[in-house]
């Protein structure tokens, strides 16, 4: 019967900075991707857009009043 082999704990710690370095590079790549997408959305034209038309309206003359009504208020 063969005896189970045990791993040497030192063999696992060959490159202790590899994992944090890869995580850091991934985060930097994610940051740069976010910045580039943000700039692309900011620089692009807005869909539909807004168009403003300014017109000056001239008032039409009012016809003369047909009758005049006078209201008298008394307080008691």
N, C-alpha and C. Protein backbone atom coordinates (compact mmCIF):
# COMPACT_ATOMS: atom_id res chain seq x y z
N UNK A 1 0.84 -1.15 0.00
CA UNK A 1 0.00 0.00 0.00
C UNK A 1 0.89 1.23 0.00
N UNK A 2 0.49 2.24 -0.80
CA UNK A 2 1.33 3.42 -0.89
C UNK A 2 0.88 4.44 0.15
N UNK A 3 1.82 5.17 0.61
CA UNK A 3 1.52 6.20 1.62
C UNK A 3 1.12 7.47 0.89
N UNK A 4 0.14 8.20 1.45
CA UNK A 4 -0.26 9.45 0.79
C UNK A 4 0.89 10.46 0.83
N UNK A 5 1.03 11.15 -0.27
CA UNK A 5 2.11 12.15 -0.34
C UNK A 5 1.61 13.46 0.20
N UNK A 6 2.44 14.11 0.93
CA UNK A 6 2.09 15.42 1.49
C UNK A 6 2.86 16.47 0.72
N UNK A 7 2.18 17.55 0.45
CA UNK A 7 2.83 18.65 -0.25
C UNK A 7 3.70 19.42 0.70
N UNK A 8 4.74 19.90 0.14
CA UNK A 8 5.64 20.73 0.91
C UNK A 8 5.01 22.12 1.04
N UNK A 9 4.83 22.68 2.24
CA UNK A 9 4.20 24.00 2.37
C UNK A 9 4.99 25.10 1.68
N UNK A 10 6.27 24.93 1.54
CA UNK A 10 7.08 25.96 0.86
C UNK A 10 6.83 25.99 -0.64
N UNK A 11 6.47 24.86 -1.22
CA UNK A 11 6.24 24.80 -2.66
C UNK A 11 5.02 25.64 -3.06
N UNK A 12 4.09 25.76 -2.17
CA UNK A 12 2.90 26.54 -2.46
C UNK A 12 3.18 28.04 -2.46
N UNK A 13 4.15 28.49 -1.74
CA UNK A 13 4.49 29.90 -1.59
C UNK A 13 5.59 30.34 -2.54
N UNK A 14 5.64 29.76 -3.72
CA UNK A 14 6.69 30.11 -4.67
C UNK A 14 6.63 31.57 -5.08
N UNK A 15 5.43 32.01 -5.44
CA UNK A 15 5.27 33.37 -5.95
C UNK A 15 4.19 34.07 -5.13
N UNK A 16 4.55 34.60 -3.98
CA UNK A 16 3.53 35.17 -3.10
C UNK A 16 2.94 36.48 -3.64
N UNK A 17 3.60 37.14 -4.56
CA UNK A 17 3.09 38.42 -5.07
C UNK A 17 2.33 38.28 -6.38
N UNK A 18 2.27 37.06 -6.91
CA UNK A 18 1.62 36.88 -8.20
C UNK A 18 0.12 37.16 -8.13
N UNK A 19 -0.57 36.60 -7.16
CA UNK A 19 -2.01 36.78 -7.07
C UNK A 19 -2.39 38.25 -6.81
N UNK A 20 -1.79 38.93 -5.84
CA UNK A 20 -2.14 40.36 -5.66
C UNK A 20 -1.79 41.21 -6.88
N UNK A 21 -0.70 40.87 -7.57
CA UNK A 21 -0.34 41.64 -8.76
C UNK A 21 -1.38 41.44 -9.86
N UNK A 22 -1.85 40.23 -10.04
CA UNK A 22 -2.88 39.96 -11.06
C UNK A 22 -4.20 40.64 -10.69
N UNK A 23 -4.55 40.64 -9.43
CA UNK A 23 -5.77 41.31 -8.99
C UNK A 23 -5.64 42.81 -9.22
N UNK A 24 -4.47 43.37 -8.90
CA UNK A 24 -4.24 44.80 -9.13
C UNK A 24 -4.33 45.16 -10.60
N UNK A 25 -3.71 44.34 -11.45
CA UNK A 25 -3.79 44.60 -12.89
C UNK A 25 -5.23 44.49 -13.41
N UNK A 26 -5.97 43.55 -12.88
CA UNK A 26 -7.37 43.42 -13.27
C UNK A 26 -8.19 44.64 -12.86
N UNK A 27 -7.94 45.15 -11.66
CA UNK A 27 -8.66 46.34 -11.20
C UNK A 27 -8.29 47.57 -12.03
N UNK A 28 -7.02 47.70 -12.38
CA UNK A 28 -6.60 48.83 -13.22
C UNK A 28 -7.24 48.73 -14.60
N UNK A 29 -7.28 47.52 -15.16
CA UNK A 29 -7.92 47.33 -16.47
C UNK A 29 -9.41 47.66 -16.39
N UNK A 30 -10.06 47.27 -15.29
CA UNK A 30 -11.48 47.56 -15.12
C UNK A 30 -11.71 49.07 -14.99
N UNK A 31 -10.83 49.76 -14.28
CA UNK A 31 -10.94 51.20 -14.14
C UNK A 31 -10.78 51.89 -15.50
N UNK A 32 -9.79 51.48 -16.27
CA UNK A 32 -9.57 52.08 -17.58
C UNK A 32 -10.74 51.80 -18.52
N UNK A 33 -11.31 50.63 -18.43
CA UNK A 33 -12.48 50.30 -19.25
C UNK A 33 -13.66 51.20 -18.87
N UNK A 34 -13.87 51.40 -17.59
CA UNK A 34 -14.96 52.28 -17.14
C UNK A 34 -14.76 53.71 -17.59
N UNK A 35 -13.53 54.20 -17.51
CA UNK A 35 -13.24 55.57 -17.95
C UNK A 35 -13.49 55.71 -19.45
N UNK A 36 -13.05 54.72 -20.22
CA UNK A 36 -13.23 54.82 -21.68
C UNK A 36 -14.71 54.75 -22.06
N UNK A 37 -15.49 53.94 -21.38
CA UNK A 37 -16.92 53.88 -21.68
C UNK A 37 -17.59 55.19 -21.29
N UNK A 38 -17.20 55.75 -20.15
CA UNK A 38 -17.77 57.03 -19.72
C UNK A 38 -17.47 58.15 -20.69
N UNK A 39 -16.25 58.19 -21.18
CA UNK A 39 -15.90 59.23 -22.16
C UNK A 39 -16.64 59.04 -23.47
N UNK A 40 -16.80 57.80 -23.89
CA UNK A 40 -17.51 57.53 -25.14
C UNK A 40 -18.96 57.97 -25.03
N UNK A 41 -19.58 57.72 -23.88
CA UNK A 41 -20.97 58.13 -23.71
C UNK A 41 -21.09 59.65 -23.61
N UNK A 42 -20.11 60.29 -23.02
CA UNK A 42 -20.13 61.74 -22.86
C UNK A 42 -19.91 62.45 -24.20
N UNK A 43 -19.02 61.92 -25.03
CA UNK A 43 -18.68 62.56 -26.30
C UNK A 43 -19.71 62.33 -27.38
N UNK A 44 -20.48 61.27 -27.28
CA UNK A 44 -21.43 60.93 -28.32
C UNK A 44 -22.60 61.90 -28.37
N UNK A 45 -23.23 62.02 -29.52
CA UNK A 45 -24.39 62.92 -29.62
C UNK A 45 -25.57 62.34 -28.84
N UNK A 46 -26.36 63.20 -28.28
CA UNK A 46 -27.53 62.72 -27.54
C UNK A 46 -28.60 62.31 -28.55
N UNK A 47 -29.23 61.16 -28.34
CA UNK A 47 -30.21 60.68 -29.30
C UNK A 47 -31.45 61.58 -29.30
N UNK A 48 -31.91 61.92 -30.47
CA UNK A 48 -33.10 62.76 -30.59
C UNK A 48 -32.79 64.23 -30.45
N UNK A 49 -32.06 64.57 -29.43
CA UNK A 49 -31.69 65.96 -29.21
C UNK A 49 -32.89 66.85 -28.90
N UNK A 50 -32.62 68.10 -28.67
CA UNK A 50 -33.66 69.08 -28.41
C UNK A 50 -33.50 70.22 -29.38
N UNK A 51 -34.59 70.60 -30.00
CA UNK A 51 -34.57 71.70 -30.93
C UNK A 51 -35.51 72.78 -30.41
N UNK A 52 -35.03 74.00 -30.30
CA UNK A 52 -35.81 75.10 -29.77
C UNK A 52 -36.11 76.09 -30.89
N UNK A 53 -37.38 76.40 -31.06
CA UNK A 53 -37.81 77.41 -32.03
C UNK A 53 -38.33 78.61 -31.26
N UNK A 54 -37.90 79.79 -31.63
CA UNK A 54 -38.34 81.02 -30.97
C UNK A 54 -39.16 81.82 -31.98
N UNK A 55 -40.39 82.13 -31.61
CA UNK A 55 -41.26 82.93 -32.47
C UNK A 55 -41.79 84.11 -31.66
N UNK A 56 -41.98 85.22 -32.31
CA UNK A 56 -42.58 86.38 -31.68
C UNK A 56 -44.01 86.51 -32.19
N UNK A 57 -44.94 86.46 -31.25
CA UNK A 57 -46.35 86.56 -31.62
C UNK A 57 -46.81 88.00 -31.43
N UNK A 58 -47.53 88.52 -32.40
CA UNK A 58 -48.08 89.87 -32.28
C UNK A 58 -49.50 89.77 -31.77
N UNK A 59 -49.86 90.60 -30.80
CA UNK A 59 -51.22 90.51 -30.25
C UNK A 59 -52.25 90.99 -31.26
N UNK A 60 -53.39 90.35 -31.27
CA UNK A 60 -54.50 90.73 -32.16
C UNK A 60 -55.32 91.81 -31.44
N UNK A 61 -55.86 92.75 -32.17
CA UNK A 61 -56.68 93.79 -31.52
C UNK A 61 -57.97 93.19 -30.96
N UNK A 62 -58.38 93.71 -29.78
CA UNK A 62 -59.61 93.24 -29.16
C UNK A 62 -60.80 94.01 -29.74
N UNK A 63 -61.92 93.34 -29.94
CA UNK A 63 -63.11 94.06 -30.40
C UNK A 63 -63.63 94.94 -29.26
N UNK A 64 -64.30 96.03 -29.57
CA UNK A 64 -64.84 96.89 -28.50
C UNK A 64 -65.90 96.15 -27.68
N UNK A 65 -65.96 96.48 -26.39
CA UNK A 65 -66.94 95.83 -25.50
C UNK A 65 -68.34 96.22 -25.91
N UNK A 66 -69.28 95.27 -25.91
CA UNK A 66 -70.66 95.54 -26.31
C UNK A 66 -71.42 96.26 -25.22
N UNK A 67 -71.13 95.96 -23.96
CA UNK A 67 -71.79 96.66 -22.87
C UNK A 67 -70.85 96.74 -21.68
N UNK A 68 -71.06 97.68 -20.83
CA UNK A 68 -70.25 97.90 -19.65
C UNK A 68 -71.07 97.55 -18.42
N UNK A 69 -70.49 96.81 -17.50
CA UNK A 69 -71.18 96.41 -16.28
C UNK A 69 -70.48 97.07 -15.12
N UNK A 70 -71.28 97.72 -14.22
CA UNK A 70 -70.73 98.36 -13.04
C UNK A 70 -71.20 97.59 -11.82
N UNK A 71 -70.26 97.23 -10.94
CA UNK A 71 -70.58 96.49 -9.73
C UNK A 71 -70.32 97.40 -8.55
N UNK A 72 -71.35 97.54 -7.64
CA UNK A 72 -71.22 98.36 -6.45
C UNK A 72 -71.30 97.44 -5.25
N UNK A 73 -70.32 97.55 -4.37
CA UNK A 73 -70.29 96.71 -3.16
C UNK A 73 -70.46 97.63 -1.97
N UNK A 74 -71.41 97.28 -1.09
CA UNK A 74 -71.61 98.04 0.13
C UNK A 74 -71.37 97.14 1.33
N UNK A 75 -70.78 97.71 2.34
CA UNK A 75 -70.54 96.94 3.56
C UNK A 75 -71.49 97.46 4.63
N UNK A 76 -72.00 96.61 5.40
CA UNK A 76 -73.03 97.02 6.31
C UNK A 76 -72.69 97.04 7.68
